[in-house]
Amino acid sequence: MSANSKIEWTDHTFNPWIGCTKVSPACDHCYAEVSTPSRTLGVVWGAGQPRRRTTPGNWLQPLRWNAQADAFRAEHGRRQRVFCASLADVFDNEVPNEWRAELFDLIDATPNLDWLLLTKRIGNVVGMLTPLVNPFSLIFPNVWIGATICNQAEADRDIPKLLRVPARVRFLSMEPLLGAVDLTPWLHCWRKLNCDYCEGRRIDWVIVGGESGTNARPMHPDWACSLRDQCQVAGVPVLFKQWGEWTGTIAASMPVFGPDCYMHKDGRVLGEAGALADGGTWHGMYRIGKKVAGRELDGRTWDEV
């Protein structure tokens, strides 16, 4: 529940509690719901279900990481990043406010850690944190706030809310990416003179990735490449986390014979006969598993932060 993480964009994961409710298309195949800790503890997902707070020993982990800050910086040349929470949502309405207050006491007690709070409920952030600290960005300079965005509708609805949050860093996790998304208005927001909601703020960092797991949905390569290109033009760091279960890019060394399906950039997925009959532009997609698919985009990794 808290450990040195295999997630490419963080060093540690910390879960103050476990449990959540699905609120987005990105939640449809939630890995956290079927994770080992959730199953072992019998956590039931959904509205009205109790969230399971983790052990006191687990809550001590960030204090240990904080104490190791000098050694970490000497080895890596930067601060440690902590993803909170991989098996829950800090800004979940079902979580007791006292738990959230205790979490921010812990964040305050670990100033040598950068806390990455990723939420699918970005509209709750300001309201939930204002009673604790106001403005919290001045008291918690080590907090990064991120919003999960899986399609254009979520971008249009939630990115303006993210830009209202007075956090040190604002980032997007676009995983699983389920459609084409134009981020241009928010990547270049600092250029706008008449912006009525963001006070000159813009997105600081974008994470992109496809879905993994048994029921994973494919990600069209054009969607990922477009986001990478948008970020490059705007000078915003981009991290391509993974293709996921599916890939549209096949290397000569991969043991495959032909596409498992064909995908249109509008999100439609068909078999070969259907794609040929349609006559549009279709991309062959291969279901080869997360490990084989890898995380290269256009022949290289993108690990900008």
Protein backbone atom coordinates (compact mmCIF):
# COMPACT_ATOMS: atom_id res chain seq x y z
CA MET A 1 0.00 0.00 0.00
CA SER A 2 3.04 2.23 0.24
CA ALA A 3 6.36 1.38 -1.30
CA ASN A 4 9.01 2.29 -3.77
CA SER A 5 6.81 2.48 -6.82
CA LYS A 6 7.06 0.91 -10.27
CA ILE A 7 4.97 3.75 -11.67
CA GLU A 8 7.21 5.66 -14.05
CA TRP A 9 6.31 9.15 -12.85
CA THR A 10 6.73 8.73 -9.09
CA ASP A 11 9.16 7.31 -6.55
CA HIS A 12 6.70 6.14 -3.91
CA THR A 13 2.98 5.43 -3.61
CA PHE A 14 1.09 6.13 -0.40
CA ASN A 15 -2.51 5.15 0.33
CA PRO A 16 -3.95 6.74 3.48
CA TRP A 17 -7.14 4.76 2.86
CA ILE A 18 -8.55 2.34 0.27
CA GLY A 19 -11.83 2.45 -1.61
CA CYS A 20 -13.62 4.70 -4.08
CA THR A 21 -16.63 5.13 -6.38
CA LYS A 22 -16.44 5.05 -10.17
CA VAL A 23 -17.18 8.51 -11.58
CA SER A 24 -15.55 8.55 -15.03
CA PRO A 25 -15.27 6.39 -18.16
CA ALA A 26 -11.63 6.03 -17.09
CA CYS A 27 -12.91 4.14 -14.02
CA ASP A 28 -14.73 1.42 -15.98
CA HIS A 29 -11.95 -1.15 -15.58
CA CYS A 30 -10.48 0.16 -12.32
CA TYR A 31 -7.31 -1.70 -11.35
CA ALA A 32 -7.56 -0.50 -7.75
CA GLU A 33 -10.92 -2.20 -7.21
CA VAL A 34 -9.44 -5.62 -7.98
CA SER A 35 -6.01 -5.00 -6.49
CA THR A 36 -4.57 -7.39 -3.92
CA PRO A 37 -4.98 -4.97 -0.97
CA SER A 38 -8.62 -4.32 -1.87
CA ARG A 39 -9.45 -8.00 -2.16
CA THR A 40 -7.48 -9.00 0.92
CA LEU A 41 -9.16 -6.37 3.09
CA GLY A 42 -12.60 -6.98 1.60
CA VAL A 43 -13.01 -3.35 0.50
CA VAL A 44 -16.27 -2.83 -1.38
CA TRP A 45 -16.24 -0.14 -4.09
CA GLY A 46 -19.11 2.28 -4.53
CA ALA A 47 -21.18 5.09 -3.05
CA GLY A 48 -22.19 4.57 0.55
CA GLN A 49 -19.49 1.97 1.14
CA PRO A 50 -16.98 2.62 3.94
CA ARG A 51 -13.43 3.49 2.96
CA ARG A 52 -10.78 1.43 4.74
CA ARG A 53 -8.12 3.48 6.48
CA THR A 54 -4.63 1.97 6.30
CA THR A 55 -2.54 1.03 9.32
CA PRO A 56 -0.63 3.41 11.61
CA GLY A 57 2.57 1.73 10.43
CA ASN A 58 1.71 2.60 6.86
CA TRP A 59 1.25 6.25 7.83
CA LEU A 60 4.82 6.31 9.17
CA GLN A 61 6.34 5.50 5.77
CA PRO A 62 6.35 9.09 4.43
CA LEU A 63 8.18 10.23 7.56
CA ARG A 64 10.92 7.70 6.79
CA TRP A 65 11.14 8.85 3.18
CA ASN A 66 11.34 12.44 4.35
CA ALA A 67 14.22 11.55 6.66
CA GLN A 68 16.08 10.02 3.71
CA ALA A 69 15.82 13.16 1.60
CA ASP A 70 19.50 14.10 1.62
CA ALA A 71 20.60 10.62 0.56
CA PHE A 72 17.99 10.53 -2.21
CA ARG A 73 19.01 13.93 -3.57
CA ALA A 74 22.68 12.96 -3.49
CA GLU A 75 21.90 9.87 -5.59
CA HIS A 76 19.25 11.26 -7.96
CA GLY A 77 19.82 15.02 -7.96
CA ARG A 78 16.20 15.88 -7.16
CA ARG A 79 13.41 15.62 -4.60
CA GLN A 80 11.33 12.50 -4.01
CA ARG A 81 7.84 12.30 -5.48
CA VAL A 82 4.96 10.57 -3.67
CA PHE A 83 1.80 9.56 -5.53
CA CYS A 84 -1.23 9.76 -3.24
CA ALA A 85 -3.41 7.76 -3.64
CA SER A 86 -3.25 4.85 -6.09
CA LEU A 87 -6.08 2.88 -4.43
CA ALA A 88 -8.37 5.77 -3.49
CA ASP A 89 -9.13 9.43 -4.17
CA VAL A 90 -8.03 12.08 -1.67
CA PHE A 91 -11.01 14.25 -2.63
CA ASP A 92 -13.64 11.51 -2.48
CA ASN A 93 -16.90 12.73 -0.90
CA GLU A 94 -17.19 9.49 1.09
CA VAL A 95 -13.93 10.11 2.99
CA PRO A 96 -14.26 11.65 6.49
CA ASN A 97 -12.95 15.21 6.59
CA GLU A 98 -10.86 14.33 9.66
CA TRP A 99 -8.88 11.77 7.63
CA ARG A 100 -8.15 14.36 4.96
CA ALA A 101 -7.03 16.85 7.63
CA GLU A 102 -4.69 14.22 9.10
CA LEU A 103 -3.26 13.55 5.63
CA PHE A 104 -2.42 17.23 5.21
CA ASP A 105 -0.85 17.27 8.64
CA LEU A 106 1.39 14.47 7.36
CA ILE A 107 2.14 16.42 4.17
CA ASP A 108 3.05 19.43 6.30
CA ALA A 109 5.36 17.23 8.40
CA THR A 110 7.22 15.99 5.27
CA PRO A 111 8.45 19.16 3.53
CA ASN A 112 11.22 17.25 1.72
CA LEU A 113 8.70 15.23 -0.29
CA ASP A 114 6.70 16.41 -3.30
CA TRP A 115 3.18 15.05 -2.92
CA LEU A 116 1.32 14.30 -6.16
CA LEU A 117 -2.42 14.27 -5.44
CA LEU A 118 -4.24 12.90 -8.48
CA THR A 119 -8.03 13.08 -8.48
CA LYS A 120 -11.06 12.40 -10.65
CA ARG A 121 -12.96 14.91 -8.52
CA ILE A 122 -11.07 18.10 -9.25
CA GLY A 123 -14.20 20.15 -8.57
CA ASN A 124 -14.00 19.16 -4.88
CA VAL A 125 -10.45 20.33 -4.25
CA VAL A 126 -10.87 24.01 -3.41
CA GLY A 127 -13.97 23.46 -1.28
CA MET A 128 -12.43 20.60 0.68
CA LEU A 129 -9.10 22.28 1.33
CA THR A 130 -10.18 25.85 2.02
CA PRO A 131 -11.42 24.97 5.56
CA LEU A 132 -8.02 23.40 6.25
CA VAL A 133 -5.71 26.07 4.89
CA ASN A 134 -6.31 29.14 2.75
CA PRO A 135 -4.55 29.61 0.44
CA PHE A 136 -3.07 26.15 0.81
CA SER A 137 -0.46 26.68 -1.94
CA LEU A 138 1.42 29.03 0.39
CA ILE A 139 1.40 26.58 3.28
CA PHE A 140 1.97 23.44 1.20
CA PRO A 141 4.55 24.34 -1.47
CA ASN A 142 5.26 20.60 -1.82
CA VAL A 143 1.79 19.72 -3.18
CA TRP A 144 1.16 19.01 -6.86
CA ILE A 145 -2.50 18.68 -7.90
CA GLY A 146 -3.44 16.52 -10.89
CA ALA A 147 -6.69 15.71 -12.69
CA THR A 148 -7.41 12.51 -14.60
CA ILE A 149 -8.60 13.38 -18.11
CA CYS A 150 -9.58 10.59 -20.53
CA ASN A 151 -11.43 12.44 -23.30
CA GLN A 152 -12.31 15.89 -24.65
CA ALA A 153 -15.50 16.20 -22.61
CA GLU A 154 -13.56 15.75 -19.36
CA ALA A 155 -10.89 18.19 -20.54
CA ASP A 156 -13.47 20.87 -21.28
CA ARG A 157 -15.22 20.32 -17.96
CA ASP A 158 -12.34 19.73 -15.55
CA ILE A 159 -9.21 21.56 -16.72
CA PRO A 160 -10.72 24.99 -15.94
CA LYS A 161 -11.41 23.67 -12.42
CA LEU A 162 -7.82 22.48 -12.10
CA LEU A 163 -6.51 25.87 -13.13
CA ARG A 164 -8.49 27.49 -10.32
CA VAL A 165 -6.59 25.42 -7.76
CA PRO A 166 -3.69 27.44 -6.26
CA ALA A 167 -1.23 24.53 -6.30
CA ARG A 168 2.52 24.64 -6.81
CA VAL A 169 2.23 22.33 -9.86
CA ARG A 170 -0.86 21.39 -11.89
CA PHE A 171 -0.71 18.25 -14.00
CA LEU A 172 -2.88 15.94 -16.09
CA SER A 173 -2.91 12.14 -16.06
CA MET A 174 -4.41 11.16 -19.41
CA GLU A 175 -4.51 7.44 -18.69
CA PRO A 176 -6.37 5.60 -19.94
CA LEU A 177 -6.59 7.89 -22.96
CA LEU A 178 -9.95 7.09 -24.58
CA GLY A 179 -10.16 9.70 -27.30
CA ALA A 180 -8.49 12.56 -29.11
CA VAL A 181 -8.00 15.62 -26.89
CA ASP A 182 -7.05 19.18 -27.79
CA LEU A 183 -5.20 20.75 -24.85
CA THR A 184 -4.06 23.85 -26.72
CA PRO A 185 -6.24 26.37 -24.83
CA TRP A 186 -4.74 25.32 -21.50
CA LEU A 187 -1.16 24.65 -22.50
CA HIS A 188 -0.87 28.21 -23.81
CA CYS A 189 -3.18 29.80 -21.25
CA TRP A 190 -0.44 32.15 -20.02
CA ARG A 191 -0.70 34.02 -23.32
CA LYS A 192 -4.34 34.97 -22.84
CA LEU A 193 -5.07 38.52 -21.74
CA ASN A 194 -8.77 38.08 -20.97
CA CYS A 195 -8.84 34.72 -19.21
CA ASP A 196 -11.58 34.90 -16.58
CA TYR A 197 -10.76 31.81 -14.54
CA CYS A 198 -7.11 30.84 -14.52
CA GLU A 199 -5.29 34.07 -13.53
CA GLY A 200 -2.58 33.38 -16.08
CA ARG A 201 -2.05 29.76 -15.03
CA ARG A 202 -1.51 26.86 -17.39
CA ILE A 203 -0.94 23.11 -17.23
CA ASP A 204 2.60 22.33 -16.04
CA TRP A 205 2.92 18.65 -16.94
CA VAL A 206 1.06 15.99 -18.98
CA ILE A 207 1.18 12.19 -18.46
CA VAL A 208 -0.19 10.04 -21.30
CA GLY A 209 -0.91 6.31 -21.34
CA GLY A 210 -3.07 3.50 -22.68
CA GLU A 211 -5.14 1.07 -20.65
CA SER A 212 -3.90 -2.27 -19.32
CA GLY A 213 -5.76 -5.23 -17.89
CA THR A 214 -8.13 -7.91 -19.11
CA ASN A 215 -10.75 -5.59 -20.59
CA ALA A 216 -8.37 -2.88 -21.77
CA ARG A 217 -9.50 -0.56 -24.53
CA PRO A 218 -7.02 0.33 -27.29
CA MET A 219 -5.51 3.82 -27.62
CA HIS A 220 -5.18 5.15 -31.17
CA PRO A 221 -1.55 6.17 -31.87
CA ASP A 222 -2.69 9.51 -33.31
CA TRP A 223 -4.19 10.48 -29.95
CA ALA A 224 -0.91 9.97 -28.10
CA CYS A 225 1.24 11.55 -30.80
CA SER A 226 -1.02 14.59 -30.96
CA LEU A 227 -0.73 15.21 -27.22
CA ARG A 228 3.04 14.80 -27.39
CA ASP A 229 3.20 17.31 -30.25
CA GLN A 230 0.93 19.80 -28.48
CA CYS A 231 3.13 19.68 -25.38
CA GLN A 232 6.31 20.05 -27.40
CA VAL A 233 5.02 23.15 -29.16
CA ALA A 234 3.94 24.70 -25.86
CA GLY A 235 7.13 23.76 -23.99
CA VAL A 236 5.19 21.65 -21.49
CA PRO A 237 6.89 18.45 -20.23
CA VAL A 238 5.22 15.23 -21.39
CA LEU A 239 5.67 11.70 -20.05
CA PHE A 240 4.46 8.76 -22.13
CA LYS A 241 3.78 6.09 -19.52
CA GLN A 242 2.75 3.09 -21.61
CA TRP A 243 0.85 1.74 -24.61
CA GLY A 244 -1.00 -0.62 -22.30
CA GLU A 245 -2.47 -3.90 -23.46
CA TRP A 246 -2.69 -2.72 -27.08
CA THR A 247 -0.26 -1.08 -29.45
CA GLY A 248 -0.44 0.32 -32.93
CA THR A 249 3.31 0.15 -33.43
CA ILE A 250 4.96 -3.17 -34.14
CA ALA A 251 8.71 -3.80 -34.16
CA ALA A 252 10.23 -6.50 -36.36
CA SER A 253 11.22 -8.49 -33.27
CA MET A 254 7.64 -8.78 -31.97
CA PRO A 255 6.02 -12.22 -32.47
CA VAL A 256 2.79 -11.12 -34.16
CA PHE A 257 1.06 -12.05 -37.41
CA GLY A 258 -1.60 -9.44 -38.06
CA PRO A 259 -3.80 -6.84 -36.37
CA ASP A 260 -6.29 -8.09 -33.78
CA CYS A 261 -8.62 -5.24 -34.69
CA TYR A 262 -8.72 -2.00 -36.62
CA MET A 263 -9.27 1.38 -35.02
CA HIS A 264 -10.46 4.70 -36.39
CA LYS A 265 -9.19 7.87 -34.77
CA ASP A 266 -12.77 8.70 -33.83
CA GLY A 267 -12.64 5.72 -31.43
CA ARG A 268 -14.53 3.12 -33.44
CA VAL A 269 -13.09 -0.42 -33.38
CA LEU A 270 -13.88 -3.01 -36.06
CA GLY A 271 -12.60 -6.29 -37.41
CA GLU A 272 -10.80 -6.43 -40.75
CA ALA A 273 -13.95 -7.00 -42.82
CA GLY A 274 -15.78 -4.12 -41.18
CA ALA A 275 -12.86 -1.75 -41.60
CA LEU A 276 -12.46 -2.64 -45.27
CA ALA A 277 -16.18 -2.19 -45.89
CA ASP A 278 -16.16 1.20 -44.18
CA GLY A 279 -13.51 2.56 -46.51
CA GLY A 280 -12.18 5.11 -44.04
CA THR A 281 -8.72 5.46 -42.56
CA TRP A 282 -8.15 2.64 -40.09
CA HIS A 283 -5.12 1.72 -38.02
CA GLY A 284 -4.21 -1.88 -37.20
CA MET A 285 -4.07 -2.53 -33.45
CA TYR A 286 -2.27 -5.45 -31.83
CA ARG A 287 -3.11 -6.93 -28.44
CA ILE A 288 0.32 -8.08 -27.25
CA GLY A 289 0.28 -7.15 -23.56
CA LYS A 290 1.66 -4.23 -21.60
CA LYS A 291 5.18 -5.60 -21.19
CA VAL A 292 5.74 -6.35 -24.89
CA ALA A 293 3.99 -3.21 -26.08
CA GLY A 294 6.38 -1.13 -23.98
CA ARG A 295 6.42 2.64 -23.69
CA GLU A 296 8.22 3.97 -26.73
CA LEU A 297 6.46 6.57 -28.84
CA ASP A 298 7.97 7.19 -32.27
CA GLY A 299 11.02 5.13 -31.40
CA ARG A 300 11.94 6.68 -28.07
CA THR A 301 10.78 7.12 -24.49
CA TRP A 302 9.36 10.38 -23.23
CA ASP A 303 10.15 10.89 -19.55
CA GLU A 304 9.91 14.64 -19.17
CA VAL A 305 8.84 16.00 -15.79
